[in-house]
Amino acid sequence: MDKTLIKQRFAKAVATYEKEAAVQRQIASHMVELMEKYLPEDVHRNVWEIGCGTGMLTRFYLNRFTPEELYLNDLCPEVKPYLEDVLSSKVTFEAGDAEGMLPPLQTSLLVSCSALQWLEEPVSFLARCQDAMTSDAFLAFSMFGEDNMKEMCMLAENTLNYYTLDELKDMLARQGLNVLYSEEERIPLQFDSPLDVLRHLKLTGVTGINRQQWTKGKLESFCRQYKDMFALQDGRVALTYHPVYIIIKK
């Protein structure tokens, strides 16, 4: 996985992400609802958020919880100006590849939303984090399942590796991670054309591993195939998101 390319694509999409990422906003809101339901109040002490982006989950989280310390992380330093309204002496930001880091000292809660699929080995990373966290720690995150962007996966040259929920739970269990709660949903979107699908993906930065060069011929072929395969009755086309929600108790 080319982290440099991923970083470049997300950096270019920072200014448009908030407006375009309606699904990610829905996922972040639901993630906080699950934290309210399944996490004990006293776990919100030292919190590390991985892949905070422009702060979508961060703001939902801070509207509900008051951590003693909240450490924000993202691969892209370009997101920091978009976090200025939440940064304080208790809420800090550090840019960098989380996969090469460990949680800050005495971290009691790791949270992440729509980000862990960009790691090389997310399950091994979570296991390393758990080992470094407090004895009563929790990990609460969302990532994406096997049907995520299934339309693009059938036509694109390069895609991320996605797993079923059962596969993820099995992988987590083999790393000694105790899944307290899991859930999945499929969120269908509709676009006027395949070009609008590509534009949506570009504006949210999620084309981060695809180096495909769009010649006129390739673009026309892609649009024709996409419409043939995924057209809806009204002539629009579909794109599926498949978020998976998992809460782990150490």
Protein backbone atom coordinates (compact mmCIF):
# COMPACT_ATOMS: atom_id res chain seq x y z
CA MET A 1 0.00 0.00 0.00
CA ASP A 2 1.42 3.37 -1.07
CA LYS A 3 0.98 5.63 1.96
CA THR A 4 2.48 8.57 0.06
CA LEU A 5 -0.22 8.32 -2.61
CA ILE A 6 -2.94 7.92 0.01
CA LYS A 7 -1.66 11.01 1.79
CA GLN A 8 -1.60 13.03 -1.44
CA ARG A 9 -5.15 12.05 -2.42
CA PHE A 10 -6.62 12.88 0.98
CA ALA A 11 -4.67 16.13 1.20
CA LYS A 12 -6.22 17.24 -2.10
CA ALA A 13 -9.71 16.41 -0.80
CA VAL A 14 -9.46 18.14 2.58
CA ALA A 15 -11.37 21.24 1.47
CA THR A 16 -14.25 19.26 -0.07
CA TYR A 17 -14.46 16.33 2.36
CA GLU A 18 -16.94 17.80 4.86
CA LYS A 19 -19.44 18.69 2.14
CA GLU A 20 -19.15 15.45 0.18
CA ALA A 21 -18.75 12.84 2.94
CA ALA A 22 -22.39 12.49 4.02
CA VAL A 23 -22.06 8.74 4.55
CA GLN A 24 -18.98 9.16 6.72
CA ARG A 25 -20.89 11.73 8.80
CA GLN A 26 -23.73 9.24 9.29
CA ILE A 27 -21.23 6.57 10.31
CA ALA A 28 -19.51 8.91 12.80
CA SER A 29 -22.81 9.86 14.41
CA HIS A 30 -23.77 6.21 14.83
CA MET A 31 -20.33 5.37 16.21
CA VAL A 32 -20.88 7.84 19.06
CA GLU A 33 -24.34 6.36 19.71
CA LEU A 34 -22.71 2.95 20.11
CA MET A 35 -20.07 4.38 22.44
CA GLU A 36 -22.82 5.88 24.58
CA LYS A 37 -24.52 2.50 24.80
CA TYR A 38 -21.59 0.12 25.25
CA LEU A 39 -18.73 2.01 26.89
CA PRO A 40 -18.52 2.80 30.61
CA GLU A 41 -18.38 6.51 31.38
CA ASP A 42 -15.07 6.23 33.22
CA VAL A 43 -13.20 4.99 30.13
CA HIS A 44 -13.25 8.48 28.58
CA ARG A 45 -9.98 9.57 30.17
CA ASN A 46 -7.06 9.51 27.75
CA VAL A 47 -8.46 9.01 24.25
CA TRP A 48 -6.57 8.48 20.99
CA GLU A 49 -8.40 9.03 17.71
CA ILE A 50 -6.82 7.48 14.62
CA GLY A 51 -7.49 9.06 11.22
CA CYS A 52 -9.37 12.06 12.55
CA GLY A 53 -9.48 13.84 9.18
CA THR A 54 -11.28 17.16 9.41
CA GLY A 55 -12.79 16.21 12.78
CA MET A 56 -16.12 14.66 11.87
CA LEU A 57 -16.09 11.99 14.59
CA THR A 58 -14.14 14.32 16.88
CA ARG A 59 -16.95 16.86 17.07
CA PHE A 60 -19.68 14.26 17.59
CA TYR A 61 -17.55 12.72 20.33
CA LEU A 62 -16.81 16.01 22.13
CA ASN A 63 -20.48 16.98 21.99
CA ARG A 64 -21.24 13.93 24.11
CA PHE A 65 -18.10 13.16 26.14
CA THR A 66 -15.50 15.18 28.07
CA PRO A 67 -12.20 13.32 28.02
CA GLU A 68 -9.31 14.39 30.22
CA GLU A 69 -7.04 14.23 27.17
CA LEU A 70 -7.89 13.69 23.51
CA TYR A 71 -5.02 12.97 21.14
CA LEU A 72 -5.91 13.36 17.47
CA ASN A 73 -3.92 11.71 14.71
CA ASP A 74 -4.09 11.80 10.94
CA LEU A 75 -1.75 10.88 8.12
CA CYS A 76 -2.21 14.35 6.57
CA PRO A 77 -0.87 17.45 8.34
CA GLU A 78 -3.11 19.45 5.99
CA VAL A 79 -6.14 18.69 8.18
CA LYS A 80 -4.86 20.68 11.16
CA PRO A 81 -6.38 24.07 10.13
CA TYR A 82 -9.79 22.35 9.98
CA LEU A 83 -9.39 21.23 13.59
CA GLU A 84 -8.57 24.61 15.11
CA ASP A 85 -12.04 24.99 16.67
CA VAL A 86 -11.58 21.81 18.75
CA LEU A 87 -7.88 22.05 19.63
CA SER A 88 -7.01 23.15 23.16
CA SER A 89 -4.71 22.31 26.03
CA LYS A 90 -6.62 19.03 26.35
CA VAL A 91 -7.17 18.28 22.66
CA THR A 92 -3.97 17.99 20.62
CA PHE A 93 -3.11 16.90 17.10
CA GLU A 94 -0.15 14.97 15.70
CA ALA A 95 0.26 14.15 12.01
CA GLY A 96 1.85 10.87 10.99
CA ASP A 97 1.33 7.25 10.04
CA ALA A 98 -0.42 5.73 13.06
CA GLU A 99 0.73 2.28 12.03
CA GLY A 100 4.24 3.26 13.09
CA MET A 101 3.10 4.64 16.44
CA LEU A 102 1.88 3.37 19.78
CA PRO A 103 -0.92 4.95 21.84
CA PRO A 104 0.09 7.83 24.11
CA LEU A 105 0.84 6.82 27.70
CA GLN A 106 -2.16 5.67 29.76
CA THR A 107 -4.54 5.61 26.78
CA SER A 108 -7.83 4.15 27.96
CA LEU A 109 -9.81 4.41 24.72
CA LEU A 110 -8.87 4.17 21.05
CA VAL A 111 -11.44 5.40 18.56
CA SER A 112 -11.45 5.56 14.78
CA CYS A 113 -14.03 6.09 12.09
CA SER A 114 -13.80 5.07 8.42
CA ALA A 115 -10.00 5.00 8.52
CA LEU A 116 -8.48 1.68 9.58
CA GLN A 117 -8.91 0.09 6.15
CA TRP A 118 -6.07 2.35 4.98
CA LEU A 119 -3.58 0.56 7.23
CA GLU A 120 -1.36 -2.24 5.95
CA GLU A 121 -2.26 -4.58 8.82
CA PRO A 122 -5.12 -3.05 10.84
CA VAL A 123 -5.76 -6.08 13.05
CA SER A 124 -2.09 -6.43 14.06
CA PHE A 125 -2.01 -2.69 14.69
CA LEU A 126 -5.04 -2.89 17.00
CA ALA A 127 -3.44 -5.78 18.90
CA ARG A 128 -0.25 -3.76 19.45
CA CYS A 129 -2.30 -0.81 20.63
CA GLN A 130 -4.31 -2.89 23.07
CA ASP A 131 -1.13 -4.25 24.63
CA ALA A 132 0.07 -0.69 25.26
CA MET A 133 -3.21 0.61 26.72
CA THR A 134 -4.56 0.61 30.27
CA SER A 135 -5.94 -2.61 31.78
CA ASP A 136 -9.56 -1.40 31.47
CA ALA A 137 -9.17 -0.09 27.92
CA PHE A 138 -11.66 -0.21 25.05
CA LEU A 139 -11.24 0.13 21.30
CA ALA A 140 -14.22 1.46 19.32
CA PHE A 141 -14.02 1.85 15.57
CA SER A 142 -15.69 1.55 12.21
CA MET A 143 -14.15 0.35 8.97
CA PHE A 144 -15.64 -1.12 5.81
CA GLY A 145 -16.87 -4.59 4.90
CA GLU A 146 -16.75 -6.78 1.82
CA ASP A 147 -19.55 -5.03 -0.08
CA ASN A 148 -18.04 -1.57 0.26
CA MET A 149 -18.05 0.16 -3.12
CA LYS A 150 -18.69 -3.22 -4.69
CA GLU A 151 -19.59 -1.48 -7.94
CA MET A 152 -16.19 0.18 -8.20
CA CYS A 153 -14.40 -2.97 -7.05
CA MET A 154 -15.81 -4.87 -10.03
CA LEU A 155 -14.47 -2.31 -12.51
CA ALA A 156 -11.44 -0.61 -10.93
CA GLU A 157 -7.86 -1.75 -11.43
CA ASN A 158 -6.85 -1.44 -7.76
CA THR A 159 -9.04 -1.63 -4.66
CA LEU A 160 -8.58 -2.07 -0.93
CA ASN A 161 -8.91 -5.46 0.72
CA TYR A 162 -12.31 -5.77 2.38
CA TYR A 163 -13.49 -8.57 4.68
CA THR A 164 -16.79 -9.95 5.89
CA LEU A 165 -17.74 -9.14 9.46
CA ASP A 166 -17.21 -12.77 10.46
CA GLU A 167 -13.75 -12.75 8.89
CA LEU A 168 -12.85 -9.58 10.77
CA LYS A 169 -14.10 -10.98 14.08
CA ASP A 170 -12.12 -14.17 13.51
CA MET A 171 -8.97 -12.20 12.67
CA LEU A 172 -9.42 -10.08 15.81
CA ALA A 173 -10.01 -13.14 18.00
CA ARG A 174 -6.83 -14.79 16.71
CA GLN A 175 -4.93 -11.68 17.83
CA GLY A 176 -6.45 -11.93 21.32
CA LEU A 177 -8.92 -9.08 20.82
CA ASN A 178 -12.23 -9.53 22.65
CA VAL A 179 -15.13 -8.24 20.52
CA LEU A 180 -17.79 -6.91 22.89
CA TYR A 181 -20.14 -5.70 20.14
CA SER A 182 -20.28 -5.73 16.35
CA GLU A 183 -22.72 -4.48 13.75
CA GLU A 184 -22.83 -3.80 10.02
CA GLU A 185 -25.05 -1.96 7.57
CA ARG A 186 -25.20 -1.23 3.87
CA ILE A 187 -25.83 2.32 2.76
CA PRO A 188 -26.90 2.73 -0.88
CA LEU A 189 -26.19 6.00 -2.68
CA GLN A 190 -27.52 7.15 -6.04
CA PHE A 191 -25.78 9.36 -8.59
CA ASP A 192 -26.91 10.87 -11.86
CA SER A 193 -24.05 9.29 -13.78
CA PRO A 194 -20.85 7.23 -13.40
CA LEU A 195 -18.90 10.48 -13.79
CA ASP A 196 -20.64 11.77 -10.68
CA VAL A 197 -19.55 8.63 -8.83
CA LEU A 198 -15.92 9.29 -9.79
CA ARG A 199 -16.25 12.93 -8.79
CA HIS A 200 -17.70 11.95 -5.40
CA LEU A 201 -14.83 9.55 -4.74
CA LYS A 202 -12.24 12.13 -5.74
CA LEU A 203 -13.76 14.82 -3.50
CA THR A 204 -13.68 12.49 -0.50
CA GLY A 205 -10.13 11.30 -1.22
CA VAL A 206 -10.94 7.61 -1.28
CA THR A 207 -9.14 6.97 -4.59
CA GLY A 208 -5.95 6.75 -2.57
CA ILE A 209 -4.54 3.48 -3.97
CA ASN A 210 -5.69 3.80 -7.57
CA ARG A 211 -3.08 5.12 -10.01
CA GLN A 212 -5.30 4.53 -13.03
CA GLN A 213 -4.78 7.09 -15.81
CA TRP A 214 -8.11 8.09 -17.28
CA THR A 215 -7.71 8.38 -21.03
CA LYS A 216 -10.81 9.41 -22.97
CA GLY A 217 -11.29 5.85 -24.17
CA LYS A 218 -10.92 4.31 -20.70
CA LEU A 219 -13.33 6.82 -19.20
CA GLU A 220 -15.96 6.20 -21.86
CA SER A 221 -15.59 2.43 -21.42
CA PHE A 222 -15.84 2.71 -17.64
CA CYS A 223 -18.97 4.87 -17.81
CA ARG A 224 -20.62 2.53 -20.28
CA GLN A 225 -19.88 -0.58 -18.20
CA TYR A 226 -20.89 1.09 -14.94
CA LYS A 227 -24.23 2.17 -16.38
CA ASP A 228 -24.85 -1.25 -17.96
CA MET A 229 -24.18 -3.05 -14.70
CA PHE A 230 -25.45 -0.69 -12.01
CA ALA A 231 -28.18 1.46 -13.54
CA LEU A 232 -31.34 1.93 -11.47
CA GLN A 233 -34.88 2.09 -12.84
CA ASP A 234 -34.82 5.88 -12.97
CA GLY A 235 -31.59 5.92 -14.99
CA ARG A 236 -29.36 6.88 -12.10
CA VAL A 237 -26.54 4.62 -10.90
CA ALA A 238 -25.77 3.01 -7.56
CA LEU A 239 -22.80 3.07 -5.18
CA THR A 240 -22.80 1.01 -1.99
CA TYR A 241 -21.10 1.75 1.33
CA HIS A 242 -20.74 -1.09 3.84
CA PRO A 243 -19.65 0.16 7.27
CA VAL A 244 -18.75 -2.30 10.02
CA TYR A 245 -18.81 -1.19 13.67
CA ILE A 246 -16.76 -2.98 16.31
CA ILE A 247 -16.19 -2.40 20.04
CA ILE A 248 -13.41 -4.30 21.80
CA LYS A 249 -12.90 -4.66 25.54
CA LYS A 250 -9.36 -5.37 26.73
